[in-house]
Amino acid sequence: MNEKQRAYGMIGLAARAGKAVSGSDAVTGAIRSGNVKLLVITKDISNNSLDKILKSVSGNSEIPCYSFGTSGELGDALGKPDRTVAAITDKNFADGISAILENINEEEDT
C-alpha cells in the first residue's frame, strides 16, 4: 500500500467513524462551528468553491489545509459521489492523515 492509498484509507475510516464531513456547505458549517481539525481540498476544486472555503478558514490559521488528489478519489474514499473538500473533525484522525500527507508532499518536492 502506497502513501496515497494510506491517506485515502484513513480518510475513509474517519468518514465511517462519523469524524469527517464533506461538501462545501457542510465543511463551511463545520468550520464556523469550530469542529474542524484538518481540511483536505482536491486539486480539481473550482475557484468559486475554493474561495468559499478559504473565506471560512480565514482568521483561523490553526486548521491545517492540504491540496490532495481528485474529487473522484476523495469521493470514493468517503463512500460518496465526487467531493472536492473534506473536513476531519477528530484530532487523532487529523494528526494521522496530516502525517501521511506531509510525507506525500515531501516526496513530491524531491
PDB file of N, CA and C in Angstrom:
ATOM      1  N   MET A   1       0.850  -1.181   0.000  1.00  0.00           N
ATOM      2  CA  MET A   1       0.000   0.000   0.000  1.00  0.00           C
ATOM      3  C   MET A   1       0.893   1.240   0.000  1.00  0.00           C
ATOM      4  N   ASN A   2       0.663   2.129  -0.954  1.00  0.00           N
ATOM      5  CA  ASN A   2       1.467   3.346  -1.002  1.00  0.00           C
ATOM      6  C   ASN A   2       0.857   4.433  -0.100  1.00  0.00           C
ATOM      7  N   GLU A   3       1.572   5.540   0.000  1.00  0.00           N
ATOM      8  CA  GLU A   3       1.149   6.616   0.908  1.00  0.00           C
ATOM      9  C   GLU A   3      -0.206   7.212   0.506  1.00  0.00           C
ATOM     10  N   LYS A   4      -0.436   7.346  -0.792  1.00  0.00           N
ATOM     11  CA  LYS A   4      -1.703   7.906  -1.259  1.00  0.00           C
ATOM     12  C   LYS A   4      -2.864   7.005  -0.846  1.00  0.00           C
ATOM     13  N   GLN A   5      -2.705   5.700  -1.001  1.00  0.00           N
ATOM     14  CA  GLN A   5      -3.742   4.751  -0.592  1.00  0.00           C
ATOM     15  C   GLN A   5      -3.948   4.802   0.919  1.00  0.00           C
ATOM     16  N   ARG A   6      -2.851   4.933   1.664  1.00  0.00           N
ATOM     17  CA  ARG A   6      -2.957   5.035   3.124  1.00  0.00           C
ATOM     18  C   ARG A   6      -3.749   6.275   3.526  1.00  0.00           C
ATOM     19  N   ALA A   7      -3.479   7.408   2.856  1.00  0.00           N
ATOM     20  CA  ALA A   7      -4.193   8.645   3.170  1.00  0.00           C
ATOM     21  C   ALA A   7      -5.686   8.482   2.908  1.00  0.00           C
ATOM     22  N   TYR A   8      -6.027   7.940   1.737  1.00  0.00           N
ATOM     23  CA  TYR A   8      -7.449   7.741   1.433  1.00  0.00           C
ATOM     24  C   TYR A   8      -8.080   6.716   2.369  1.00  0.00           C
ATOM     25  N   GLY A   9      -7.330   5.719   2.766  1.00  0.00           N
ATOM     26  CA  GLY A   9      -7.843   4.735   3.716  1.00  0.00           C
ATOM     27  C   GLY A   9      -8.180   5.372   5.062  1.00  0.00           C
ATOM     28  N   MET A  10      -7.298   6.255   5.527  1.00  0.00           N
ATOM     29  CA  MET A  10      -7.544   6.950   6.801  1.00  0.00           C
ATOM     30  C   MET A  10      -8.732   7.914   6.687  1.00  0.00           C
ATOM     31  N   ILE A  11      -8.840   8.592   5.552  1.00  0.00           N
ATOM     32  CA  ILE A  11      -9.971   9.498   5.348  1.00  0.00           C
ATOM     33  C   ILE A  11     -11.275   8.705   5.342  1.00  0.00           C
ATOM     34  N   GLY A  12     -11.264   7.564   4.672  1.00  0.00           N
ATOM     35  CA  GLY A  12     -12.449   6.706   4.648  1.00  0.00           C
ATOM     36  C   GLY A  12     -12.802   6.178   6.026  1.00  0.00           C
ATOM     37  N   LEU A  13     -11.800   5.804   6.792  1.00  0.00           N
ATOM     38  CA  LEU A  13     -12.021   5.323   8.151  1.00  0.00           C
ATOM     39  C   LEU A  13     -12.636   6.427   9.017  1.00  0.00           C
ATOM     40  N   ALA A  14     -12.122   7.650   8.864  1.00  0.00           N
ATOM     41  CA  ALA A  14     -12.687   8.781   9.610  1.00  0.00           C
ATOM     42  C   ALA A  14     -14.147   8.999   9.222  1.00  0.00           C
ATOM     43  N   ALA A  15     -14.446   8.872   7.942  1.00  0.00           N
ATOM     44  CA  ALA A  15     -15.833   9.059   7.482  1.00  0.00           C
ATOM     45  C   ALA A  15     -16.742   7.984   8.071  1.00  0.00           C
ATOM     46  N   ARG A  16     -16.294   6.749   8.057  1.00  0.00           N
ATOM     47  CA  ARG A  16     -17.113   5.659   8.603  1.00  0.00           C
ATOM     48  C   ARG A  16     -17.308   5.801  10.112  1.00  0.00           C
ATOM     49  N   ALA A  17     -16.345   6.445  10.775  1.00  0.00           N
ATOM     50  CA  ALA A  17     -16.449   6.679  12.218  1.00  0.00           C
ATOM     51  C   ALA A  17     -17.268   7.928  12.537  1.00  0.00           C
ATOM     52  N   GLY A  18     -17.736   8.614  11.507  1.00  0.00           N
ATOM     53  CA  GLY A  18     -18.513   9.836  11.731  1.00  0.00           C
ATOM     54  C   GLY A  18     -17.668  11.036  12.099  1.00  0.00           C
ATOM     55  N   LYS A  19     -16.391  10.982  11.753  1.00  0.00           N
ATOM     56  CA  LYS A  19     -15.455  12.054  12.111  1.00  0.00           C
ATOM     57  C   LYS A  19     -15.005  12.869  10.906  1.00  0.00           C
ATOM     58  N   ALA A  20     -15.796  12.826   9.826  1.00  0.00           N
ATOM     59  CA  ALA A  20     -15.487  13.612   8.633  1.00  0.00           C
ATOM     60  C   ALA A  20     -16.780  14.151   8.046  1.00  0.00           C
ATOM     61  N   VAL A  21     -16.703  15.344   7.503  1.00  0.00           N
ATOM     62  CA  VAL A  21     -17.809  15.916   6.747  1.00  0.00           C
ATOM     63  C   VAL A  21     -17.261  16.312   5.387  1.00  0.00           C
ATOM     64  N   SER A  22     -18.140  16.305   4.388  1.00  0.00           N
ATOM     65  CA  SER A  22     -17.672  16.630   3.047  1.00  0.00           C
ATOM     66  C   SER A  22     -18.699  17.472   2.317  1.00  0.00           C
ATOM     67  N   GLY A  23     -18.223  18.140   1.278  1.00  0.00           N
ATOM     68  CA  GLY A  23     -19.066  19.048   0.531  1.00  0.00           C
ATOM     69  C   GLY A  23     -18.889  20.465   1.059  1.00  0.00           C
ATOM     70  N   SER A  24     -18.918  21.418   0.165  1.00  0.00           N
ATOM     71  CA  SER A  24     -18.626  22.815   0.532  1.00  0.00           C
ATOM     72  C   SER A  24     -19.498  23.345   1.659  1.00  0.00           C
ATOM     73  N   ASP A  25     -20.805  23.140   1.568  1.00  0.00           N
ATOM     74  CA  ASP A  25     -21.708  23.693   2.586  1.00  0.00           C
ATOM     75  C   ASP A  25     -21.502  23.051   3.950  1.00  0.00           C
ATOM     76  N   ALA A  26     -21.380  21.730   3.976  1.00  0.00           N
ATOM     77  CA  ALA A  26     -21.180  21.026   5.246  1.00  0.00           C
ATOM     78  C   ALA A  26     -19.844  21.399   5.881  1.00  0.00           C
ATOM     79  N   VAL A  27     -18.813  21.505   5.058  1.00  0.00           N
ATOM     80  CA  VAL A  27     -17.486  21.858   5.570  1.00  0.00           C
ATOM     81  C   VAL A  27     -17.485  23.295   6.082  1.00  0.00           C
ATOM     82  N   THR A  28     -18.106  24.192   5.349  1.00  0.00           N
ATOM     83  CA  THR A  28     -18.189  25.587   5.789  1.00  0.00           C
ATOM     84  C   THR A  28     -18.890  25.690   7.138  1.00  0.00           C
ATOM     85  N   GLY A  29     -19.965  24.940   7.301  1.00  0.00           N
ATOM     86  CA  GLY A  29     -20.673  24.925   8.582  1.00  0.00           C
ATOM     87  C   GLY A  29     -19.816  24.364   9.705  1.00  0.00           C
ATOM     88  N   ALA A  30     -19.075  23.307   9.420  1.00  0.00           N
ATOM     89  CA  ALA A  30     -18.202  22.709  10.431  1.00  0.00           C
ATOM     90  C   ALA A  30     -17.080  23.667  10.825  1.00  0.00           C
ATOM     91  N   ILE A  31     -16.559  24.419   9.855  1.00  0.00           N
ATOM     92  CA  ILE A  31     -15.513  25.404  10.157  1.00  0.00           C
ATOM     93  C   ILE A  31     -16.082  26.486  11.076  1.00  0.00           C
ATOM     94  N   ARG A  32     -17.249  26.966  10.746  1.00  0.00           N
ATOM     95  CA  ARG A  32     -17.878  28.025  11.562  1.00  0.00           C
ATOM     96  C   ARG A  32     -18.148  27.556  12.985  1.00  0.00           C
ATOM     97  N   SER A  33     -18.484  26.281  13.130  1.00  0.00           N
ATOM     98  CA  SER A  33     -18.775  25.765  14.468  1.00  0.00           C
ATOM     99  C   SER A  33     -17.511  25.413  15.248  1.00  0.00           C
ATOM    100  N   GLY A  34     -16.351  25.490  14.593  1.00  0.00           N
ATOM    101  CA  GLY A  34     -15.086  25.249  15.282  1.00  0.00           C
ATOM    102  C   GLY A  34     -14.720  23.794  15.455  1.00  0.00           C
ATOM    103  N   ASN A  35     -15.338  22.911  14.679  1.00  0.00           N
ATOM    104  CA  ASN A  35     -15.088  21.482  14.839  1.00  0.00           C
ATOM    105  C   ASN A  35     -14.003  20.911  13.940  1.00  0.00           C
ATOM    106  N   VAL A  36     -13.479  21.680  13.013  1.00  0.00           N
ATOM    107  CA  VAL A  36     -12.564  21.143  12.005  1.00  0.00           C
ATOM    108  C   VAL A  36     -11.127  21.121  12.512  1.00  0.00           C
ATOM    109  N   LYS A  37     -10.493  19.965  12.373  1.00  0.00           N
ATOM    110  CA  LYS A  37      -9.091  19.794  12.768  1.00  0.00           C
ATOM    111  C   LYS A  37      -8.167  19.700  11.561  1.00  0.00           C
ATOM    112  N   LEU A  38      -8.727  19.389  10.372  1.00  0.00           N
ATOM    113  CA  LEU A  38      -7.927  19.228   9.155  1.00  0.00           C
ATOM    114  C   LEU A  38      -8.833  19.373   7.942  1.00  0.00           C
ATOM    115  N   LEU A  39      -8.353  20.068   6.920  1.00  0.00           N
ATOM    116  CA  LEU A  39      -9.073  20.193   5.659  1.00  0.00           C
ATOM    117  C   LEU A  39      -8.285  19.520   4.547  1.00  0.00           C
ATOM    118  N   VAL A  40      -8.980  18.746   3.739  1.00  0.00           N
ATOM    119  CA  VAL A  40      -8.399  18.156   2.539  1.00  0.00           C
ATOM    120  C   VAL A  40      -9.184  18.730   1.361  1.00  0.00           C
ATOM    121  N   ILE A  41      -8.471  19.447   0.506  1.00  0.00           N
ATOM    122  CA  ILE A  41      -9.079  20.095  -0.649  1.00  0.00           C
ATOM    123  C   ILE A  41      -8.460  19.473  -1.897  1.00  0.00           C
ATOM    124  N   THR A  42      -9.299  19.016  -2.808  1.00  0.00           N
ATOM    125  CA  THR A  42      -8.759  18.361  -4.002  1.00  0.00           C
ATOM    126  C   THR A  42      -8.139  19.376  -4.952  1.00  0.00           C
ATOM    127  N   LYS A  43      -7.263  18.864  -5.802  1.00  0.00           N
ATOM    128  CA  LYS A  43      -6.568  19.725  -6.757  1.00  0.00           C
ATOM    129  C   LYS A  43      -7.479  20.203  -7.879  1.00  0.00           C
ATOM    130  N   ASP A  44      -8.635  19.556  -8.056  1.00  0.00           N
ATOM    131  CA  ASP A  44      -9.543  19.954  -9.132  1.00  0.00           C
ATOM    132  C   ASP A  44     -10.768  20.731  -8.633  1.00  0.00           C
ATOM    133  N   ILE A  45     -10.662  21.358  -7.473  1.00  0.00           N
ATOM    134  CA  ILE A  45     -11.761  22.157  -6.934  1.00  0.00           C
ATOM    135  C   ILE A  45     -11.934  23.419  -7.794  1.00  0.00           C
ATOM    136  N   SER A  46     -13.163  23.864  -7.947  1.00  0.00           N
ATOM    137  CA  SER A  46     -13.416  25.087  -8.719  1.00  0.00           C
ATOM    138  C   SER A  46     -12.965  26.305  -7.918  1.00  0.00           C
ATOM    139  N   ASN A  47     -12.678  27.381  -8.622  1.00  0.00           N
ATOM    140  CA  ASN A  47     -12.248  28.613  -7.953  1.00  0.00           C
ATOM    141  C   ASN A  47     -13.321  29.147  -7.008  1.00  0.00           C
ATOM    142  N   ASN A  48     -14.592  29.060  -7.407  1.00  0.00           N
ATOM    143  CA  ASN A  48     -15.681  29.546  -6.550  1.00  0.00           C
ATOM    144  C   ASN A  48     -15.753  28.763  -5.244  1.00  0.00           C
ATOM    145  N   SER A  49     -15.676  27.446  -5.343  1.00  0.00           N
ATOM    146  CA  SER A  49     -15.733  26.612  -4.137  1.00  0.00           C
ATOM    147  C   SER A  49     -14.515  26.853  -3.258  1.00  0.00           C
ATOM    148  N   LEU A  50     -13.350  26.980  -3.883  1.00  0.00           N
ATOM    149  CA  LEU A  50     -12.128  27.236  -3.123  1.00  0.00           C
ATOM    150  C   LEU A  50     -12.226  28.568  -2.384  1.00  0.00           C
ATOM    151  N   ASP A  51     -12.703  29.601  -3.053  1.00  0.00           N
ATOM    152  CA  ASP A  51     -12.865  30.904  -2.405  1.00  0.00           C
ATOM    153  C   ASP A  51     -13.801  30.820  -1.199  1.00  0.00           C
ATOM    154  N   LYS A  52     -14.896  30.082  -1.356  1.00  0.00           N
ATOM    155  CA  LYS A  52     -15.871  29.918  -0.270  1.00  0.00           C
ATOM    156  C   LYS A  52     -15.217  29.256   0.949  1.00  0.00           C
ATOM    157  N   ILE A  53     -14.452  28.212   0.699  1.00  0.00           N
ATOM    158  CA  ILE A  53     -13.776  27.503   1.797  1.00  0.00           C
ATOM    159  C   ILE A  53     -12.722  28.395   2.436  1.00  0.00           C
ATOM    160  N   LEU A  54     -11.902  29.051   1.626  1.00  0.00           N
ATOM    161  CA  LEU A  54     -10.832  29.884   2.164  1.00  0.00           C
ATOM    162  C   LEU A  54     -11.374  31.060   2.959  1.00  0.00           C
ATOM    163  N   LYS A  55     -12.503  31.628   2.560  1.00  0.00           N
ATOM    164  CA  LYS A  55     -13.123  32.704   3.337  1.00  0.00           C
ATOM    165  C   LYS A  55     -13.564  32.190   4.707  1.00  0.00           C
ATOM    166  N   SER A  56     -14.044  30.957   4.751  1.00  0.00           N
ATOM    167  CA  SER A  56     -14.465  30.365   6.021  1.00  0.00           C
ATOM    168  C   SER A  56     -13.277  30.133   6.941  1.00  0.00           C
ATOM    169  N   VAL A  57     -12.140  29.764   6.345  1.00  0.00           N
ATOM    170  CA  VAL A  57     -10.948  29.445   7.127  1.00  0.00           C
ATOM    171  C   VAL A  57     -10.208  30.702   7.569  1.00  0.00           C
ATOM    172  N   SER A  58     -10.337  31.790   6.798  1.00  0.00           N
ATOM    173  CA  SER A  58      -9.566  32.996   7.110  1.00  0.00           C
ATOM    174  C   SER A  58      -9.804  33.417   8.559  1.00  0.00           C
ATOM    175  N   GLY A  59      -8.719  33.767   9.213  1.00  0.00           N
ATOM    176  CA  GLY A  59      -8.804  34.127  10.616  1.00  0.00           C
ATOM    177  C   GLY A  59      -8.660  32.939  11.546  1.00  0.00           C
ATOM    178  N   ASN A  60      -8.615  31.745  10.979  1.00  0.00           N
ATOM    179  CA  ASN A  60      -8.436  30.545  11.792  1.00  0.00           C
ATOM    180  C   ASN A  60      -7.257  29.760  11.231  1.00  0.00           C
ATOM    181  N   SER A  61      -6.061  30.255  11.515  1.00  0.00           N
ATOM    182  CA  SER A  61      -4.854  29.662  10.959  1.00  0.00           C
ATOM    183  C   SER A  61      -4.482  28.333  11.621  1.00  0.00           C
ATOM    184  N   GLU A  62      -5.267  27.898  12.592  1.00  0.00           N
ATOM    185  CA  GLU A  62      -4.968  26.652  13.278  1.00  0.00           C
ATOM    186  C   GLU A  62      -5.429  25.427  12.503  1.00  0.00           C
ATOM    187  N   ILE A  63      -6.196  25.617  11.440  1.00  0.00           N
ATOM    188  CA  ILE A  63      -6.690  24.483  10.660  1.00  0.00           C
ATOM    189  C   ILE A  63      -5.698  24.174   9.547  1.00  0.00           C
ATOM    190  N   PRO A  64      -5.019  23.026   9.616  1.00  0.00           N
ATOM    191  CA  PRO A  64      -4.127  22.659   8.517  1.00  0.00           C
ATOM    192  C   PRO A  64      -4.947  22.323   7.274  1.00  0.00           C
ATOM    193  N   CYS A  65      -4.474  22.779   6.114  1.00  0.00           N
ATOM    194  CA  CYS A  65      -5.141  22.524   4.839  1.00  0.00           C
ATOM    195  C   CYS A  65      -4.161  21.839   3.893  1.00  0.00           C
ATOM    196  N   TYR A  66      -4.640  20.824   3.208  1.00  0.00           N
ATOM    197  CA  TYR A  66      -3.822  20.120   2.221  1.00  0.00           C
ATOM    198  C   TYR A  66      -4.558  20.046   0.903  1.00  0.00           C
ATOM    199  N   SER A  67      -3.830  20.279  -0.166  1.00  0.00           N
ATOM    200  CA  SER A  67      -4.341  20.070  -1.513  1.00  0.00           C
ATOM    201  C   SER A  67      -3.889  18.679  -1.929  1.00  0.00           C
ATOM    202  N   PHE A  68      -4.878  17.799  -2.207  1.00  0.00           N
ATOM    203  CA  PHE A  68      -4.530  16.394  -2.402  1.00  0.00           C
ATOM    204  C   PHE A  68      -5.545  15.698  -3.284  1.00  0.00           C
ATOM    205  N   GLY A  69      -5.074  15.023  -4.309  1.00  0.00           N
ATOM    206  CA  GLY A  69      -5.896  14.131  -5.109  1.00  0.00           C
ATOM    207  C   GLY A  69      -6.959  14.815  -5.943  1.00  0.00           C
ATOM    208  N   THR A  70      -7.921  14.001  -6.360  1.00  0.00           N
ATOM    209  CA  THR A  70      -9.014  14.475  -7.212  1.00  0.00           C
ATOM    210  C   THR A  70     -10.351  14.279  -6.513  1.00  0.00           C
ATOM    211  N   SER A  71     -11.364  14.925  -7.052  1.00  0.00           N
ATOM    212  CA  SER A  71     -12.701  14.825  -6.460  1.00  0.00           C
ATOM    213  C   SER A  71     -13.234  13.391  -6.537  1.00  0.00           C
ATOM    214  N   GLY A  72     -12.920  12.673  -7.607  1.00  0.00           N
ATOM    215  CA  GLY A  72     -13.354  11.285  -7.723  1.00  0.00           C
ATOM    216  C   GLY A  72     -12.707  10.400  -6.679  1.00  0.00           C
ATOM    217  N   GLU A  73     -11.417  10.590  -6.468  1.00  0.00           N
ATOM    218  CA  GLU A  73     -10.692   9.790  -5.472  1.00  0.00           C
ATOM    219  C   GLU A  73     -11.191  10.087  -4.059  1.00  0.00           C
ATOM    220  N   LEU A  74     -11.391  11.366  -3.759  1.00  0.00           N
ATOM    221  CA  LEU A  74     -11.878  11.724  -2.419  1.00  0.00           C
ATOM    222  C   LEU A  74     -13.286  11.201  -2.204  1.00  0.00           C
ATOM    223  N   GLY A  75     -14.133  11.333  -3.201  1.00  0.00           N
ATOM    224  CA  GLY A  75     -15.493  10.802  -3.096  1.00  0.00           C
ATOM    225  C   GLY A  75     -15.492   9.304  -2.858  1.00  0.00           C
ATOM    226  N   ASP A  76     -14.644   8.578  -3.587  1.00  0.00           N
ATOM    227  CA  ASP A  76     -14.542   7.124  -3.393  1.00  0.00           C
ATOM    228  C   ASP A  76     -14.124   6.794  -1.964  1.00  0.00           C
ATOM    229  N   ALA A  77     -13.136   7.527  -1.451  1.00  0.00           N
ATOM    230  CA  ALA A  77     -12.657   7.275  -0.087  1.00  0.00           C
ATOM    231  C   ALA A  77     -13.755   7.515   0.945  1.00  0.00           C
ATOM    232  N   LEU A  78     -14.591   8.511   0.679  1.00  0.00           N
ATOM    233  CA  LEU A  78     -15.669   8.858   1.611  1.00  0.00           C
ATOM    234  C   LEU A  78     -16.917   8.010   1.419  1.00  0.00           C
ATOM    235  N   GLY A  79     -16.952   7.239   0.336  1.00  0.00           N
ATOM    236  CA  GLY A  79     -18.135   6.436   0.038  1.00  0.00           C
ATOM    237  C   GLY A  79     -19.279   7.285  -0.485  1.00  0.00           C
ATOM    238  N   LYS A  80     -18.937   8.350  -1.187  1.00  0.00           N
ATOM    239  CA  LYS A  80     -19.924   9.293  -1.712  1.00  0.00           C
ATOM    240  C   LYS A  80     -19.579   9.625  -3.159  1.00  0.00           C
ATOM    241  N   PRO A  81     -20.478  10.347  -3.848  1.00  0.00           N
ATOM    242  CA  PRO A  81     -20.113  10.840  -5.187  1.00  0.00           C
ATOM    243  C   PRO A  81     -18.937  11.812  -5.077  1.00  0.00           C
ATOM    244  N   ASP A  82     -18.459  12.292  -6.190  1.00  0.00           N
ATOM    245  CA  ASP A  82     -17.303  13.200  -6.198  1.00  0.00           C
ATOM    246  C   ASP A  82     -17.427  14.281  -5.125  1.00  0.00           C
ATOM    247  N   ARG A  83     -16.336  14.484  -4.401  1.00  0.00           N
ATOM    248  CA  ARG A  83     -16.263  15.523  -3.377  1.00  0.00           C
ATOM    249  C   ARG A  83     -14.972  16.296  -3.577  1.00  0.00           C
ATOM    250  N   THR A  84     -15.036  17.620  -3.446  1.00  0.00           N
ATOM    251  CA  THR A  84     -13.838  18.437  -3.627  1.00  0.00           C
ATOM    252  C   THR A  84     -13.218  18.894  -2.312  1.00  0.00           C
ATOM    253  N   VAL A  85     -13.933  18.692  -1.222  1.00  0.00           N
ATOM    254  CA  VAL A  85     -13.405  19.103   0.075  1.00  0.00           C
ATOM    255  C   VAL A  85     -13.946  18.179   1.164  1.00  0.00           C
ATOM    256  N   ALA A  86     -13.068  17.884   2.117  1.00  0.00           N
ATOM    257  CA  ALA A  86     -13.470  17.103   3.286  1.00  0.00           C
ATOM    258  C   ALA A  86     -12.825  17.717   4.517  1.00  0.00           C
ATOM    259  N   ALA A  87     -13.560  17.700   5.598  1.00  0.00           N
ATOM    260  CA  ALA A  87     -13.055  18.200   6.874  1.00  0.00           C
ATOM    261  C   ALA A  87     -13.035  17.053   7.870  1.00  0.00           C
ATOM    262  N   ILE A  88     -11.918  16.883   8.522  1.00  0.00           N
ATOM    263  CA  ILE A  88     -11.775  15.869   9.568  1.00  0.00           C
ATOM    264  C   ILE A  88     -12.011  16.568  10.898  1.00  0.00           C
ATOM    265  N   THR A  89     -12.896  15.991  11.718  1.00  0.00           N
ATOM    266  CA  THR A  89     -13.301  16.660  12.954  1.00  0.00           C
ATOM    267  C   THR A  89     -12.702  16.033  14.213  1.00  0.00           C
ATOM    268  N   ASP A  90     -11.896  15.008  14.055  1.00  0.00           N
ATOM    269  CA  ASP A  90     -11.275  14.337  15.189  1.00  0.00           C
ATOM    270  C   ASP A  90      -9.772  14.582  15.159  1.00  0.00           C
ATOM    271  N   LYS A  91      -9.197  14.987  16.280  1.00  0.00           N
ATOM    272  CA  LYS A  91      -7.772  15.322  16.326  1.00  0.00           C
ATOM    273  C   LYS A  91      -6.887  14.134  16.000  1.00  0.00           C
ATOM    274  N   ASN A  92      -7.207  12.956  16.502  1.00  0.00           N
ATOM    275  CA  ASN A  92      -6.361  11.787  16.243  1.00  0.00           C
ATOM    276  C   ASN A  92      -6.355  11.411  14.766  1.00  0.00           C
ATOM    277  N   PHE A  93      -7.529  11.394  14.143  1.00  0.00           N
ATOM    278  CA  PHE A  93      -7.582  11.139  12.704  1.00  0.00           C
ATOM    279  C   PHE A  93      -6.832  12.236  11.952  1.00  0.00           C
ATOM    280  N   ALA A  94      -7.061  13.478  12.353  1.00  0.00           N
ATOM    281  CA  ALA A  94      -6.409  14.601  11.677  1.00  0.00           C
ATOM    282  C   ALA A  94      -4.886  14.491  11.760  1.00  0.00           C
ATOM    283  N   ASP A  95      -4.384  14.147  12.932  1.00  0.00           N
ATOM    284  CA  ASP A  95      -2.931  14.005  13.095  1.00  0.00           C
ATOM    285  C   ASP A  95      -2.379  12.891  12.208  1.00  0.00           C
ATOM    286  N   GLY A  96      -3.063  11.756  12.154  1.00  0.00           N
ATOM    287  CA  GLY A  96      -2.612  10.634  11.335  1.00  0.00           C
ATOM    288  C   GLY A  96      -2.636  10.955   9.854  1.00  0.00           C
ATOM    289  N   ILE A  97      -3.721  11.551   9.398  1.00  0.00           N
ATOM    290  CA  ILE A  97      -3.845  11.905   7.982  1.00  0.00           C
ATOM    291  C   ILE A  97      -2.836  12.984   7.626  1.00  0.00           C
ATOM    292  N   SER A  98      -2.674  13.957   8.498  1.00  0.00           N
ATOM    293  CA  SER A  98      -1.722  15.041   8.261  1.00  0.00           C
ATOM    294  C   SER A  98      -0.298  14.503   8.107  1.00  0.00           C
ATOM    295  N   ALA A  99       0.084  13.552   8.947  1.00  0.00           N
ATOM    296  CA  ALA A  99       1.428  12.972   8.860  1.00  0.00           C
ATOM    297  C   ALA A  99       1.642  12.283   7.511  1.00  0.00           C
ATOM    298  N   ILE A 100       0.637  11.554   7.046  1.00  0.00           N
ATOM    299  CA  ILE A 100       0.744  10.880   5.748  1.00  0.00           C
ATOM    300  C   ILE A 100       0.838  11.907   4.618  1.00  0.00           C
ATOM    301  N   LEU A 101      -0.011  12.937   4.674  1.00  0.00           N
ATOM    302  CA  LEU A 101       0.003  13.957   3.623  1.00  0.00           C
ATOM    303  C   LEU A 101       1.302  14.748   3.619  1.00  0.00           C
ATOM    304  N   GLU A 102       1.895  14.962   4.777  1.00  0.00           N
ATOM    305  CA  GLU A 102       3.213  15.622   4.841  1.00  0.00           C
ATOM    306  C   GLU A 102       4.258  14.779   4.117  1.00  0.00           C
ATOM    307  N   ASN A 103       4.229  13.461   4.332  1.00  0.00           N
ATOM    308  CA  ASN A 103       5.168  12.570   3.642  1.00  0.00           C
ATOM    309  C   ASN A 103       4.984  12.643   2.141  1.00  0.00           C
ATOM    310  N   ILE A 104       3.733  12.672   1.698  1.00  0.00           N
ATOM    311  CA  ILE A 104       3.449  12.755   0.271  1.00  0.00           C
ATOM    312  C   ILE A 104       3.976  14.067  -0.297  1.00  0.00           C
ATOM    313  N   ASN A 105       3.745  15.170   0.407  1.00  0.00           N
ATOM    314  CA  ASN A 105       4.233  16.476  -0.056  1.00  0.00           C
ATOM    315  C   ASN A 105       5.749  16.507  -0.122  1.00  0.00           C
ATOM    316  N   GLU A 106       6.427  15.902   0.849  1.00  0.00           N
ATOM    317  CA  GLU A 106       7.885  15.862   0.845  1.00  0.00           C
ATOM    318  C   GLU A 106       8.398  15.047  -0.344  1.00  0.00           C
ATOM    319  N   GLU A 107       7.721  13.932  -0.659  1.00  0.00           N
ATOM    320  CA  GLU A 107       8.126  13.105  -1.801  1.00  0.00           C
ATOM    321  C   GLU A 107       7.951  13.861  -3.107  1.00  0.00           C
ATOM    322  N   GLU A 108       6.872  14.655  -3.222  1.00  0.00           N
ATOM    323  CA  GLU A 108       6.627  15.421  -4.438  1.00  0.00           C
ATOM    324  C   GLU A 108       7.643  16.535  -4.607  1.00  0.00           C
ATOM    325  N   ASP A 109       8.154  17.066  -3.486  1.00  0.00           N
ATOM    326  CA  ASP A 109       9.139  18.154  -3.554  1.00  0.00           C
ATOM    327  C   ASP A 109      10.528  17.674  -3.972  1.00  0.00           C
ATOM    328  N   THR A 110      10.788  16.390  -3.800  1.00  0.00           N
ATOM    329  CA  THR A 110      12.118  15.875  -4.147  1.00  0.00           C
ATOM    330  C   THR A 110      12.187  15.364  -5.555  1.00  0.00           C
TER     331      THR A 110
END
